[in-house]
């Protein structure tokens, strides 16, 4: 965690405070030992002690700056209602927080003066998602505890290989925590796999193909080459045109600020399929990059990825003909077999 207090509080010394005060007092006393009265000497010693106390208070303030700041009032209210909260550290001058309640995670950033509170994912000027790095650091620090709070536990089965569909999404593999009444009730109503499917259904997506055809929901980044390949696989086949499948693409912007703006435009576009295909064909500015674009719709999609610990694009979720929820990481190995699963 970076702090800036040590940079802004400068008392003008290059050596430890206690060493400076001690040396200064000793030198002056030795030089004036025969010239000052006991009263003057006593006054000087008192002044030296006072200087040490002040310097000690400054050092204490610097040490205190490395501790967790006070929880912002709105977040404290959430904590009082049962939410767990973790401090993510300070980045770009903002203090990061994650709140977790009933398996739902939310990310906040507070200003140093405590007067402002932002919600969402933080990016730096290189387009890196700072929040993702902070969450990974928190996982390393707390181990499986933080994931358990979020209602997630790693599956004991191997993760799906690239292009291979799996009927057991990671988030669906965890058993309900019987000590948590909310989780028991939620699990009794719907499985984790069904909850994942509900989440992607509620995302902000664009449609390719016949709206009455079986749907595949896929998280994509407009600048992700593997996403381009997957879309082109369907585009160059006859499955979309024949109404055998529809792609519901969920745009996110995890690679750069450019892709974030492109994803926002794609969601708002009056003709997203045409714009996306032009983008894949290399047409310049097919997806408008507007620095003033509202990215809340994309942030919501990225929040769903965070909630379900999805860290790769493309990532697809669909139901087979029997209604079983399946996931696919990367491009499908066999597109014909995938289509057959849907019908």
C-alpha atoms as a PDB file:
ATOM      1  CA  UNK A   1       0.000   0.000   0.000  1.00  0.00           C
ATOM      2  CA  UNK A   2       1.368   3.390  -0.968  1.00  0.00           C
ATOM      3  CA  UNK A   3       1.079   6.324   1.352  1.00  0.00           C
ATOM      4  CA  UNK A   4       1.936   9.914   0.609  1.00  0.00           C
ATOM      5  CA  UNK A   5       2.088  11.276   4.160  1.00  0.00           C
ATOM      6  CA  UNK A   6       5.823  10.715   4.495  1.00  0.00           C
ATOM      7  CA  UNK A   7       6.331  12.759   1.355  1.00  0.00           C
ATOM      8  CA  UNK A   8       4.167  15.692   2.385  1.00  0.00           C
ATOM      9  CA  UNK A   9       5.404  16.013   5.997  1.00  0.00           C
ATOM     10  CA  UNK A  10       9.002  17.206   5.748  1.00  0.00           C
ATOM     11  CA  UNK A  11      10.800  18.589   8.808  1.00  0.00           C
ATOM     12  CA  UNK A  12      14.031  19.267   6.939  1.00  0.00           C
ATOM     13  CA  UNK A  13      16.322  16.619   8.463  1.00  0.00           C
ATOM     14  CA  UNK A  14      18.188  13.738   6.878  1.00  0.00           C
ATOM     15  CA  UNK A  15      18.936  11.831  10.099  1.00  0.00           C
ATOM     16  CA  UNK A  16      16.674  10.361  12.811  1.00  0.00           C
ATOM     17  CA  UNK A  17      14.948  13.029  14.876  1.00  0.00           C
ATOM     18  CA  UNK A  18      16.185  11.780  18.232  1.00  0.00           C
ATOM     19  CA  UNK A  19      19.818  11.781  17.039  1.00  0.00           C
ATOM     20  CA  UNK A  20      19.569  15.326  15.770  1.00  0.00           C
ATOM     21  CA  UNK A  21      18.082  16.730  18.958  1.00  0.00           C
ATOM     22  CA  UNK A  22      20.597  14.891  21.158  1.00  0.00           C
ATOM     23  CA  UNK A  23      23.644  15.998  19.181  1.00  0.00           C
ATOM     24  CA  UNK A  24      22.451  19.590  18.962  1.00  0.00           C
ATOM     25  CA  UNK A  25      21.882  19.839  22.715  1.00  0.00           C
ATOM     26  CA  UNK A  26      25.189  18.178  23.610  1.00  0.00           C
ATOM     27  CA  UNK A  27      27.276  20.395  21.352  1.00  0.00           C
ATOM     28  CA  UNK A  28      25.731  23.604  22.572  1.00  0.00           C
ATOM     29  CA  UNK A  29      26.041  22.616  26.257  1.00  0.00           C
ATOM     30  CA  UNK A  30      29.717  21.690  25.923  1.00  0.00           C
ATOM     31  CA  UNK A  31      30.582  24.980  24.216  1.00  0.00           C
ATOM     32  CA  UNK A  32      28.746  27.212  26.710  1.00  0.00           C
ATOM     33  CA  UNK A  33      29.291  25.213  29.901  1.00  0.00           C
ATOM     34  CA  UNK A  34      31.302  28.015  31.544  1.00  0.00           C
ATOM     35  CA  UNK A  35      29.211  30.829  30.091  1.00  0.00           C
ATOM     36  CA  UNK A  36      25.591  30.125  31.075  1.00  0.00           C
ATOM     37  CA  UNK A  37      23.902  29.932  34.409  1.00  0.00           C
ATOM     38  CA  UNK A  38      22.141  26.855  35.753  1.00  0.00           C
ATOM     39  CA  UNK A  39      18.841  28.543  35.038  1.00  0.00           C
ATOM     40  CA  UNK A  40      19.727  29.101  31.401  1.00  0.00           C
ATOM     41  CA  UNK A  41      21.025  25.550  31.107  1.00  0.00           C
ATOM     42  CA  UNK A  42      17.844  24.176  32.683  1.00  0.00           C
ATOM     43  CA  UNK A  43      15.715  26.207  30.268  1.00  0.00           C
ATOM     44  CA  UNK A  44      17.681  24.873  27.318  1.00  0.00           C
ATOM     45  CA  UNK A  45      17.320  21.285  28.506  1.00  0.00           C
ATOM     46  CA  UNK A  46      13.581  21.813  28.828  1.00  0.00           C
ATOM     47  CA  UNK A  47      13.504  23.221  25.286  1.00  0.00           C
ATOM     48  CA  UNK A  48      15.464  20.226  24.000  1.00  0.00           C
ATOM     49  CA  UNK A  49      13.070  17.816  25.712  1.00  0.00           C
ATOM     50  CA  UNK A  50      10.103  19.685  24.211  1.00  0.00           C
ATOM     51  CA  UNK A  51      11.693  19.385  20.753  1.00  0.00           C
ATOM     52  CA  UNK A  52      12.075  15.646  21.250  1.00  0.00           C
ATOM     53  CA  UNK A  53       8.417  15.354  22.275  1.00  0.00           C
ATOM     54  CA  UNK A  54       7.268  17.287  19.186  1.00  0.00           C
ATOM     55  CA  UNK A  55       9.461  15.203  16.886  1.00  0.00           C
ATOM     56  CA  UNK A  56       8.171  12.072  18.562  1.00  0.00           C
ATOM     57  CA  UNK A  57       4.608  13.176  17.913  1.00  0.00           C
ATOM     58  CA  UNK A  58       5.432  13.744  14.230  1.00  0.00           C
ATOM     59  CA  UNK A  59       6.981  10.279  13.999  1.00  0.00           C
ATOM     60  CA  UNK A  60       3.884   8.837  15.663  1.00  0.00           C
ATOM     61  CA  UNK A  61       1.667  10.606  13.143  1.00  0.00           C
ATOM     62  CA  UNK A  62       3.695   9.164  10.288  1.00  0.00           C
ATOM     63  CA  UNK A  63       3.384   5.672  11.722  1.00  0.00           C
ATOM     64  CA  UNK A  64      -0.348   6.120  12.211  1.00  0.00           C
ATOM     65  CA  UNK A  65      -0.754   7.073   8.535  1.00  0.00           C
ATOM     66  CA  UNK A  66       0.122   3.516   7.555  1.00  0.00           C
ATOM     67  CA  UNK A  67      -2.937   2.155   9.348  1.00  0.00           C
ATOM     68  CA  UNK A  68      -6.405   1.642   7.916  1.00  0.00           C
ATOM     69  CA  UNK A  69      -8.368   4.905   7.683  1.00  0.00           C
ATOM     70  CA  UNK A  70     -11.761   5.316   9.268  1.00  0.00           C
ATOM     71  CA  UNK A  71     -14.564   3.551   7.442  1.00  0.00           C
ATOM     72  CA  UNK A  72     -16.704   6.083   5.517  1.00  0.00           C
ATOM     73  CA  UNK A  73     -20.081   6.690   7.132  1.00  0.00           C
ATOM     74  CA  UNK A  74     -22.226   5.183   4.306  1.00  0.00           C
ATOM     75  CA  UNK A  75     -20.138   2.003   4.406  1.00  0.00           C
ATOM     76  CA  UNK A  76     -20.278   1.903   8.187  1.00  0.00           C
ATOM     77  CA  UNK A  77     -24.049   1.818   7.873  1.00  0.00           C
ATOM     78  CA  UNK A  78     -23.746  -1.245   5.633  1.00  0.00           C
ATOM     79  CA  UNK A  79     -21.417  -2.881   8.154  1.00  0.00           C
ATOM     80  CA  UNK A  80     -23.955  -2.236  10.870  1.00  0.00           C
ATOM     81  CA  UNK A  81     -26.523  -4.093   8.788  1.00  0.00           C
ATOM     82  CA  UNK A  82     -24.324  -7.182   8.533  1.00  0.00           C
ATOM     83  CA  UNK A  83     -21.918  -6.515   5.661  1.00  0.00           C
ATOM     84  CA  UNK A  84     -18.286  -7.551   5.897  1.00  0.00           C
ATOM     85  CA  UNK A  85     -15.789  -4.892   4.805  1.00  0.00           C
ATOM     86  CA  UNK A  86     -12.128  -5.057   3.801  1.00  0.00           C
ATOM     87  CA  UNK A  87      -9.673  -2.248   3.128  1.00  0.00           C
ATOM     88  CA  UNK A  88      -8.015  -2.583  -0.290  1.00  0.00           C
ATOM     89  CA  UNK A  89      -5.316   0.043   0.259  1.00  0.00           C
ATOM     90  CA  UNK A  90      -4.678   3.461  -1.234  1.00  0.00           C
ATOM     91  CA  UNK A  91      -4.116   3.839  -4.964  1.00  0.00           C
ATOM     92  CA  UNK A  92      -4.134   7.018  -7.051  1.00  0.00           C
ATOM     93  CA  UNK A  93      -4.952   9.009  -3.926  1.00  0.00           C
ATOM     94  CA  UNK A  94      -8.129   7.034  -3.186  1.00  0.00           C
ATOM     95  CA  UNK A  95      -8.795   4.567  -0.363  1.00  0.00           C
ATOM     96  CA  UNK A  96     -10.329   1.359  -1.696  1.00  0.00           C
ATOM     97  CA  UNK A  97     -12.942  -0.776   0.054  1.00  0.00           C
ATOM     98  CA  UNK A  98     -14.858  -3.957  -0.715  1.00  0.00           C
ATOM     99  CA  UNK A  99     -18.103  -4.827   1.031  1.00  0.00           C
ATOM    100  CA  UNK A 100     -19.539  -8.331   1.039  1.00  0.00           C
ATOM    101  CA  UNK A 101     -23.034  -9.300   2.110  1.00  0.00           C
ATOM    102  CA  UNK A 102     -25.082 -12.362   1.193  1.00  0.00           C
ATOM    103  CA  UNK A 103     -22.430 -13.264  -1.372  1.00  0.00           C
ATOM    104  CA  UNK A 104     -22.621  -9.901  -3.156  1.00  0.00           C
ATOM    105  CA  UNK A 105     -19.454  -7.808  -3.511  1.00  0.00           C
ATOM    106  CA  UNK A 106     -19.339  -4.061  -4.076  1.00  0.00           C
ATOM    107  CA  UNK A 107     -16.275  -1.858  -4.579  1.00  0.00           C
ATOM    108  CA  UNK A 108     -15.934   1.688  -3.265  1.00  0.00           C
ATOM    109  CA  UNK A 109     -13.279   4.416  -3.245  1.00  0.00           C
ATOM    110  CA  UNK A 110     -13.237   7.274  -0.748  1.00  0.00           C
ATOM    111  CA  UNK A 111     -11.447  10.588  -1.105  1.00  0.00           C
ATOM    112  CA  UNK A 112      -8.709  11.476   1.434  1.00  0.00           C
ATOM    113  CA  UNK A 113     -10.859  14.148   3.062  1.00  0.00           C
ATOM    114  CA  UNK A 114     -13.683  11.664   3.553  1.00  0.00           C
ATOM    115  CA  UNK A 115     -16.148  13.902   1.715  1.00  0.00           C
ATOM    116  CA  UNK A 116     -16.525  11.799  -1.438  1.00  0.00           C
ATOM    117  CA  UNK A 117     -17.385   8.165  -2.108  1.00  0.00           C
ATOM    118  CA  UNK A 118     -17.236   6.461  -5.515  1.00  0.00           C
ATOM    119  CA  UNK A 119     -18.574   3.032  -6.470  1.00  0.00           C
ATOM    120  CA  UNK A 120     -17.128   0.860  -9.220  1.00  0.00           C
ATOM    121  CA  UNK A 121     -13.828  -0.359 -10.645  1.00  0.00           C
ATOM    122  CA  UNK A 122     -10.742   1.880 -10.578  1.00  0.00           C
ATOM    123  CA  UNK A 123      -8.484   2.226 -13.634  1.00  0.00           C
ATOM    124  CA  UNK A 124      -5.101   3.919 -13.908  1.00  0.00           C
ATOM    125  CA  UNK A 125      -3.952   6.085 -16.828  1.00  0.00           C
ATOM    126  CA  UNK A 126      -2.573   3.008 -18.606  1.00  0.00           C
ATOM    127  CA  UNK A 127      -5.985   1.374 -18.651  1.00  0.00           C
ATOM    128  CA  UNK A 128      -5.087  -1.223 -16.019  1.00  0.00           C
ATOM    129  CA  UNK A 129      -7.920  -2.271 -13.736  1.00  0.00           C
ATOM    130  CA  UNK A 130      -6.408  -1.331 -10.374  1.00  0.00           C
ATOM    131  CA  UNK A 131      -9.312  -2.931  -8.517  1.00  0.00           C
ATOM    132  CA  UNK A 132      -8.499  -6.346  -9.960  1.00  0.00           C
ATOM    133  CA  UNK A 133      -4.922  -6.144  -8.674  1.00  0.00           C
ATOM    134  CA  UNK A 134      -6.159  -5.024  -5.257  1.00  0.00           C
ATOM    135  CA  UNK A 135      -8.625  -7.900  -5.027  1.00  0.00           C
ATOM    136  CA  UNK A 136      -5.935 -10.420  -5.994  1.00  0.00           C
ATOM    137  CA  UNK A 137      -3.656  -8.980  -3.310  1.00  0.00           C
ATOM    138  CA  UNK A 138      -6.477  -9.302  -0.790  1.00  0.00           C
ATOM    139  CA  UNK A 139      -6.981 -12.932  -1.783  1.00  0.00           C
ATOM    140  CA  UNK A 140      -3.277 -13.609  -1.302  1.00  0.00           C
ATOM    141  CA  UNK A 141      -3.460 -11.998   2.130  1.00  0.00           C
ATOM    142  CA  UNK A 142      -6.633 -13.655   3.404  1.00  0.00           C
ATOM    143  CA  UNK A 143      -6.538 -16.928   1.511  1.00  0.00           C
ATOM    144  CA  UNK A 144      -9.850 -18.760   1.001  1.00  0.00           C
ATOM    145  CA  UNK A 145     -11.603 -16.701   3.696  1.00  0.00           C
ATOM    146  CA  UNK A 146     -12.435 -13.772   1.440  1.00  0.00           C
ATOM    147  CA  UNK A 147     -13.815 -16.062  -1.280  1.00  0.00           C
ATOM    148  CA  UNK A 148     -15.940 -17.891   1.237  1.00  0.00           C
ATOM    149  CA  UNK A 149     -17.417 -14.598   2.381  1.00  0.00           C
ATOM    150  CA  UNK A 150     -18.356 -13.989  -1.231  1.00  0.00           C
ATOM    151  CA  UNK A 151     -20.103 -17.360  -1.440  1.00  0.00           C
ATOM    152  CA  UNK A 152     -17.406 -18.931  -3.586  1.00  0.00           C
ATOM    153  CA  UNK A 153     -15.181 -21.939  -3.104  1.00  0.00           C
ATOM    154  CA  UNK A 154     -12.803 -23.415  -5.725  1.00  0.00           C
ATOM    155  CA  UNK A 155     -13.985 -26.619  -7.301  1.00  0.00           C
ATOM    156  CA  UNK A 156     -11.992 -29.795  -6.690  1.00  0.00           C
ATOM    157  CA  UNK A 157     -12.506 -30.755 -10.311  1.00  0.00           C
ATOM    158  CA  UNK A 158     -10.091 -29.530 -12.995  1.00  0.00           C
ATOM    159  CA  UNK A 159     -10.994 -26.187 -14.493  1.00  0.00           C
ATOM    160  CA  UNK A 160     -12.484 -26.381 -18.001  1.00  0.00           C
ATOM    161  CA  UNK A 161      -9.782 -26.402 -20.633  1.00  0.00           C
ATOM    162  CA  UNK A 162      -9.802 -23.895 -23.441  1.00  0.00           C
ATOM    163  CA  UNK A 163     -12.653 -24.639 -25.822  1.00  0.00           C
ATOM    164  CA  UNK A 164     -14.103 -27.428 -23.685  1.00  0.00           C
ATOM    165  CA  UNK A 165     -17.572 -26.966 -22.207  1.00  0.00           C
ATOM    166  CA  UNK A 166     -18.238 -27.878 -18.605  1.00  0.00           C
ATOM    167  CA  UNK A 167     -21.478 -28.445 -16.757  1.00  0.00           C
ATOM    168  CA  UNK A 168     -19.920 -27.443 -13.423  1.00  0.00           C
ATOM    169  CA  UNK A 169     -19.037 -23.746 -13.275  1.00  0.00           C
ATOM    170  CA  UNK A 170     -16.583 -22.887 -10.549  1.00  0.00           C
ATOM    171  CA  UNK A 171     -19.093 -20.863  -8.600  1.00  0.00           C
ATOM    172  CA  UNK A 172     -21.631 -23.676  -8.799  1.00  0.00           C
ATOM    173  CA  UNK A 173     -19.370 -26.239  -7.138  1.00  0.00           C
ATOM    174  CA  UNK A 174     -19.531 -24.890  -3.603  1.00  0.00           C
ATOM    175  CA  UNK A 175     -21.904 -26.478  -1.139  1.00  0.00           C
ATOM    176  CA  UNK A 176     -24.175 -24.173   0.862  1.00  0.00           C
ATOM    177  CA  UNK A 177     -22.883 -22.979   4.214  1.00  0.00           C
ATOM    178  CA  UNK A 178     -25.394 -24.543   6.598  1.00  0.00           C
ATOM    179  CA  UNK A 179     -24.449 -22.031   9.293  1.00  0.00           C
ATOM    180  CA  UNK A 180     -25.688 -19.160   7.121  1.00  0.00           C
ATOM    181  CA  UNK A 181     -29.505 -19.083   6.995  1.00  0.00           C
ATOM    182  CA  UNK A 182     -29.539 -16.675   4.043  1.00  0.00           C
ATOM    183  CA  UNK A 183     -27.341 -18.960   1.988  1.00  0.00           C
ATOM    184  CA  UNK A 184     -29.384 -22.041   2.903  1.00  0.00           C
ATOM    185  CA  UNK A 185     -32.590 -20.368   1.775  1.00  0.00           C
ATOM    186  CA  UNK A 186     -30.980 -19.093  -1.422  1.00  0.00           C
ATOM    187  CA  UNK A 187     -29.476 -22.468  -2.278  1.00  0.00           C
ATOM    188  CA  UNK A 188     -32.762 -24.208  -1.597  1.00  0.00           C
ATOM    189  CA  UNK A 189     -34.427 -22.024  -4.187  1.00  0.00           C
ATOM    190  CA  UNK A 190     -31.761 -22.089  -6.899  1.00  0.00           C
ATOM    191  CA  UNK A 191     -28.438 -23.772  -7.494  1.00  0.00           C
ATOM    192  CA  UNK A 192     -25.283 -21.730  -7.989  1.00  0.00           C
ATOM    193  CA  UNK A 193     -25.296 -22.660 -11.664  1.00  0.00           C
ATOM    194  CA  UNK A 194     -28.814 -21.287 -12.054  1.00  0.00           C
ATOM    195  CA  UNK A 195     -27.820 -18.142 -10.176  1.00  0.00           C
ATOM    196  CA  UNK A 196     -24.910 -17.675 -12.584  1.00  0.00           C
ATOM    197  CA  UNK A 197     -27.280 -18.027 -15.524  1.00  0.00           C
ATOM    198  CA  UNK A 198     -29.668 -15.493 -13.990  1.00  0.00           C
ATOM    199  CA  UNK A 199     -26.746 -13.084 -13.548  1.00  0.00           C
ATOM    200  CA  UNK A 200     -25.680 -13.221 -17.195  1.00  0.00           C
ATOM    201  CA  UNK A 201     -29.291 -12.930 -18.328  1.00  0.00           C
ATOM    202  CA  UNK A 202     -29.606  -9.693 -16.377  1.00  0.00           C
ATOM    203  CA  UNK A 203     -26.365  -8.259 -17.804  1.00  0.00           C
ATOM    204  CA  UNK A 204     -26.214  -5.575 -20.497  1.00  0.00           C
ATOM    205  CA  UNK A 205     -25.817  -7.579 -23.681  1.00  0.00           C
ATOM    206  CA  UNK A 206     -26.142  -7.160 -27.435  1.00  0.00           C
ATOM    207  CA  UNK A 207     -27.742  -9.728 -29.698  1.00  0.00           C
ATOM    208  CA  UNK A 208     -26.396 -11.441 -32.801  1.00  0.00           C
ATOM    209  CA  UNK A 209     -28.797 -13.737 -34.649  1.00  0.00           C
ATOM    210  CA  UNK A 210     -32.458 -14.702 -34.325  1.00  0.00           C
ATOM    211  CA  UNK A 211     -33.916 -13.667 -30.956  1.00  0.00           C
ATOM    212  CA  UNK A 212     -36.041 -16.829 -30.873  1.00  0.00           C
ATOM    213  CA  UNK A 213     -33.014 -19.159 -31.215  1.00  0.00           C
ATOM    214  CA  UNK A 214     -31.258 -20.806 -28.243  1.00  0.00           C
ATOM    215  CA  UNK A 215     -28.947 -18.285 -26.609  1.00  0.00           C
ATOM    216  CA  UNK A 216     -25.296 -18.334 -25.620  1.00  0.00           C
ATOM    217  CA  UNK A 217     -24.169 -15.548 -23.282  1.00  0.00           C
ATOM    218  CA  UNK A 218     -20.530 -14.554 -23.793  1.00  0.00           C
ATOM    219  CA  UNK A 219     -18.374 -11.987 -22.007  1.00  0.00           C
ATOM    220  CA  UNK A 220     -16.203 -10.195 -24.573  1.00  0.00           C
ATOM    221  CA  UNK A 221     -13.720  -7.335 -24.617  1.00  0.00           C
ATOM    222  CA  UNK A 222     -13.788  -5.355 -27.910  1.00  0.00           C
ATOM    223  CA  UNK A 223      -9.968  -5.434 -28.042  1.00  0.00           C
ATOM    224  CA  UNK A 224      -9.609  -9.145 -27.152  1.00  0.00           C
ATOM    225  CA  UNK A 225      -8.327 -11.105 -30.206  1.00  0.00           C
ATOM    226  CA  UNK A 226      -9.671 -14.395 -28.841  1.00  0.00           C
ATOM    227  CA  UNK A 227     -13.105 -12.803 -28.591  1.00  0.00           C
ATOM    228  CA  UNK A 228     -12.776 -11.705 -32.218  1.00  0.00           C
ATOM    229  CA  UNK A 229     -11.976 -15.290 -33.210  1.00  0.00           C
ATOM    230  CA  UNK A 230     -14.990 -16.705 -31.384  1.00  0.00           C
ATOM    231  CA  UNK A 231     -17.375 -14.199 -32.941  1.00  0.00           C
ATOM    232  CA  UNK A 232     -15.907 -14.829 -36.396  1.00  0.00           C
ATOM    233  CA  UNK A 233     -16.359 -18.591 -35.907  1.00  0.00           C
ATOM    234  CA  UNK A 234     -20.106 -18.057 -35.537  1.00  0.00           C
ATOM    235  CA  UNK A 235     -20.214 -15.280 -38.090  1.00  0.00           C
ATOM    236  CA  UNK A 236     -18.542 -17.365 -40.800  1.00  0.00           C
ATOM    237  CA  UNK A 237     -20.708 -20.397 -40.113  1.00  0.00           C
ATOM    238  CA  UNK A 238     -24.335 -20.605 -41.214  1.00  0.00           C
ATOM    239  CA  UNK A 239     -25.679 -21.121 -37.695  1.00  0.00           C
ATOM    240  CA  UNK A 240     -26.558 -17.488 -37.012  1.00  0.00           C
ATOM    241  CA  UNK A 241     -28.194 -16.935 -40.420  1.00  0.00           C
ATOM    242  CA  UNK A 242     -30.153 -20.200 -40.171  1.00  0.00           C
ATOM    243  CA  UNK A 243     -31.552 -19.262 -36.771  1.00  0.00           C
ATOM    244  CA  UNK A 244     -29.936 -22.180 -34.967  1.00  0.00           C
ATOM    245  CA  UNK A 245     -28.287 -20.044 -32.307  1.00  0.00           C
ATOM    246  CA  UNK A 246     -28.100 -16.476 -31.084  1.00  0.00           C
ATOM    247  CA  UNK A 247     -25.112 -14.889 -29.392  1.00  0.00           C
ATOM    248  CA  UNK A 248     -25.829 -12.519 -26.544  1.00  0.00           C
ATOM    249  CA  UNK A 249     -22.525 -10.726 -26.141  1.00  0.00           C
ATOM    250  CA  UNK A 250     -21.779  -9.063 -22.810  1.00  0.00           C
ATOM    251  CA  UNK A 251     -19.231  -6.289 -23.465  1.00  0.00           C
ATOM    252  CA  UNK A 252     -16.639  -5.513 -20.791  1.00  0.00           C
ATOM    253  CA  UNK A 253     -13.581  -3.294 -20.799  1.00  0.00           C
ATOM    254  CA  UNK A 254     -10.817  -5.021 -18.869  1.00  0.00           C
ATOM    255  CA  UNK A 255      -7.929  -4.585 -21.301  1.00  0.00           C
ATOM    256  CA  UNK A 256      -7.731  -0.802 -21.603  1.00  0.00           C
ATOM    257  CA  UNK A 257      -9.615   2.458 -21.318  1.00  0.00           C
ATOM    258  CA  UNK A 258     -10.144   2.256 -25.061  1.00  0.00           C
ATOM    259  CA  UNK A 259     -11.926  -1.080 -24.811  1.00  0.00           C
ATOM    260  CA  UNK A 260     -13.995   0.272 -21.916  1.00  0.00           C
ATOM    261  CA  UNK A 261     -15.225   3.161 -24.070  1.00  0.00           C
ATOM    262  CA  UNK A 262     -15.792   0.850 -27.049  1.00  0.00           C
ATOM    263  CA  UNK A 263     -17.837  -1.516 -24.887  1.00  0.00           C
ATOM    264  CA  UNK A 264     -19.971   1.384 -23.672  1.00  0.00           C
ATOM    265  CA  UNK A 265     -20.604   2.510 -27.231  1.00  0.00           C
ATOM    266  CA  UNK A 266     -21.413  -1.035 -28.377  1.00  0.00           C
ATOM    267  CA  UNK A 267     -24.095  -1.417 -25.721  1.00  0.00           C
ATOM    268  CA  UNK A 268     -25.661   1.929 -26.669  1.00  0.00           C
ATOM    269  CA  UNK A 269     -25.311   1.524 -30.444  1.00  0.00           C
ATOM    270  CA  UNK A 270     -28.511   1.521 -32.525  1.00  0.00           C
ATOM    271  CA  UNK A 271     -26.959  -1.188 -34.746  1.00  0.00           C
ATOM    272  CA  UNK A 272     -24.473  -3.095 -32.581  1.00  0.00           C
ATOM    273  CA  UNK A 273     -24.119  -6.095 -34.898  1.00  0.00           C
ATOM    274  CA  UNK A 274     -23.144  -3.927 -37.870  1.00  0.00           C
ATOM    275  CA  UNK A 275     -20.756  -1.832 -35.784  1.00  0.00           C
ATOM    276  CA  UNK A 276     -19.147  -4.900 -34.236  1.00  0.00           C
ATOM    277  CA  UNK A 277     -18.650  -6.635 -37.574  1.00  0.00           C
ATOM    278  CA  UNK A 278     -17.128  -3.457 -39.019  1.00  0.00           C
ATOM    279  CA  UNK A 279     -14.800  -3.380 -36.026  1.00  0.00           C
ATOM    280  CA  UNK A 280     -13.760  -6.987 -36.626  1.00  0.00           C
ATOM    281  CA  UNK A 281     -13.132  -6.160 -40.278  1.00  0.00           C
ATOM    282  CA  UNK A 282     -10.710  -3.429 -39.226  1.00  0.00           C
ATOM    283  CA  UNK A 283     -12.829  -0.380 -40.011  1.00  0.00           C
ATOM    284  CA  UNK A 284     -11.397   2.570 -38.111  1.00  0.00           C
ATOM    285  CA  UNK A 285     -13.632   4.124 -35.471  1.00  0.00           C
ATOM    286  CA  UNK A 286     -16.350   1.535 -36.018  1.00  0.00           C
ATOM    287  CA  UNK A 287     -16.723   1.576 -32.255  1.00  0.00           C
ATOM    288  CA  UNK A 288     -16.630   5.196 -31.192  1.00  0.00           C
ATOM    289  CA  UNK A 289     -14.221   6.031 -28.380  1.00  0.00           C
ATOM    290  CA  UNK A 290     -15.864   8.905 -26.539  1.00  0.00           C
ATOM    291  CA  UNK A 291     -13.978  10.204 -23.500  1.00  0.00           C
ATOM    292  CA  UNK A 292     -17.269  11.497 -22.114  1.00  0.00           C
ATOM    293  CA  UNK A 293     -19.086   8.193 -22.553  1.00  0.00           C
ATOM    294  CA  UNK A 294     -21.090   6.870 -19.626  1.00  0.00           C
ATOM    295  CA  UNK A 295     -19.578   3.500 -18.739  1.00  0.00           C
ATOM    296  CA  UNK A 296     -21.983   2.445 -15.989  1.00  0.00           C
ATOM    297  CA  UNK A 297     -23.530  -0.225 -18.206  1.00  0.00           C
ATOM    298  CA  UNK A 298     -20.089  -1.762 -18.764  1.00  0.00           C
ATOM    299  CA  UNK A 299     -19.171  -1.432 -15.107  1.00  0.00           C
ATOM    300  CA  UNK A 300     -22.235  -3.475 -14.246  1.00  0.00           C
ATOM    301  CA  UNK A 301     -21.114  -6.255 -16.583  1.00  0.00           C
ATOM    302  CA  UNK A 302     -17.647  -6.161 -15.057  1.00  0.00           C
ATOM    303  CA  UNK A 303     -19.196  -6.355 -11.604  1.00  0.00           C
ATOM    304  CA  UNK A 304     -20.886  -9.616 -12.624  1.00  0.00           C
ATOM    305  CA  UNK A 305     -17.515 -10.987 -13.725  1.00  0.00           C
ATOM    306  CA  UNK A 306     -16.063  -9.987 -10.367  1.00  0.00           C
ATOM    307  CA  UNK A 307     -18.961 -11.511  -8.449  1.00  0.00           C
ATOM    308  CA  UNK A 308     -18.412 -14.864 -10.130  1.00  0.00           C
ATOM    309  CA  UNK A 309     -14.593 -14.692 -10.170  1.00  0.00           C
ATOM    310  CA  UNK A 310     -14.444 -14.776 -13.968  1.00  0.00           C
ATOM    311  CA  UNK A 311     -11.034 -13.550 -15.098  1.00  0.00           C
ATOM    312  CA  UNK A 312     -10.870 -14.378 -18.798  1.00  0.00           C
ATOM    313  CA  UNK A 313     -12.581 -13.415 -22.043  1.00  0.00           C
ATOM    314  CA  UNK A 314     -14.267 -14.882 -23.927  1.00  0.00           C
ATOM    315  CA  UNK A 315     -16.293 -16.744 -21.318  1.00  0.00           C
ATOM    316  CA  UNK A 316     -19.655 -18.257 -22.264  1.00  0.00           C
ATOM    317  CA  UNK A 317     -22.654 -19.509 -20.308  1.00  0.00           C
ATOM    318  CA  UNK A 318     -25.565 -21.408 -21.858  1.00  0.00           C
ATOM    319  CA  UNK A 319     -28.188 -24.079 -21.260  1.00  0.00           C
ATOM    320  CA  UNK A 320     -28.218 -27.325 -23.180  1.00  0.00           C
ATOM    321  CA  UNK A 321     -31.404 -28.861 -24.564  1.00  0.00           C
ATOM    322  CA  UNK A 322     -32.170 -30.455 -21.183  1.00  0.00           C
ATOM    323  CA  UNK A 323     -31.896 -27.118 -19.378  1.00  0.00           C
ATOM    324  CA  UNK A 324     -28.546 -27.874 -17.746  1.00  0.00           C
ATOM    325  CA  UNK A 325     -26.295 -24.829 -17.290  1.00  0.00           C
ATOM    326  CA  UNK A 326     -22.876 -25.140 -18.926  1.00  0.00           C
ATOM    327  CA  UNK A 327     -19.864 -22.874 -19.294  1.00  0.00           C
ATOM    328  CA  UNK A 328     -17.250 -22.483 -21.986  1.00  0.00           C
ATOM    329  CA  UNK A 329     -13.872 -20.794 -21.594  1.00  0.00           C
ATOM    330  CA  UNK A 330     -12.348 -19.575 -24.851  1.00  0.00           C
ATOM    331  CA  UNK A 331     -13.355 -20.691 -28.351  1.00  0.00           C
ATOM    332  CA  UNK A 332     -15.363 -23.905 -28.806  1.00  0.00           C
ATOM    333  CA  UNK A 333     -13.298 -26.828 -30.117  1.00  0.00           C
ATOM    334  CA  UNK A 334     -16.251 -28.179 -32.063  1.00  0.00           C
ATOM    335  CA  UNK A 335     -18.873 -25.629 -33.073  1.00  0.00           C
ATOM    336  CA  UNK A 336     -21.156 -28.250 -34.612  1.00  0.00           C
ATOM    337  CA  UNK A 337     -21.186 -30.252 -31.376  1.00  0.00           C
ATOM    338  CA  UNK A 338     -21.947 -27.108 -29.391  1.00  0.00           C
ATOM    339  CA  UNK A 339     -24.939 -26.271 -31.588  1.00  0.00           C
ATOM    340  CA  UNK A 340     -26.188 -29.842 -31.202  1.00  0.00           C
ATOM    341  CA  UNK A 341     -26.177 -29.422 -27.420  1.00  0.00           C
ATOM    342  CA  UNK A 342     -28.585 -26.503 -27.717  1.00  0.00           C
ATOM    343  CA  UNK A 343     -31.269 -28.199 -29.804  1.00  0.00           C
END
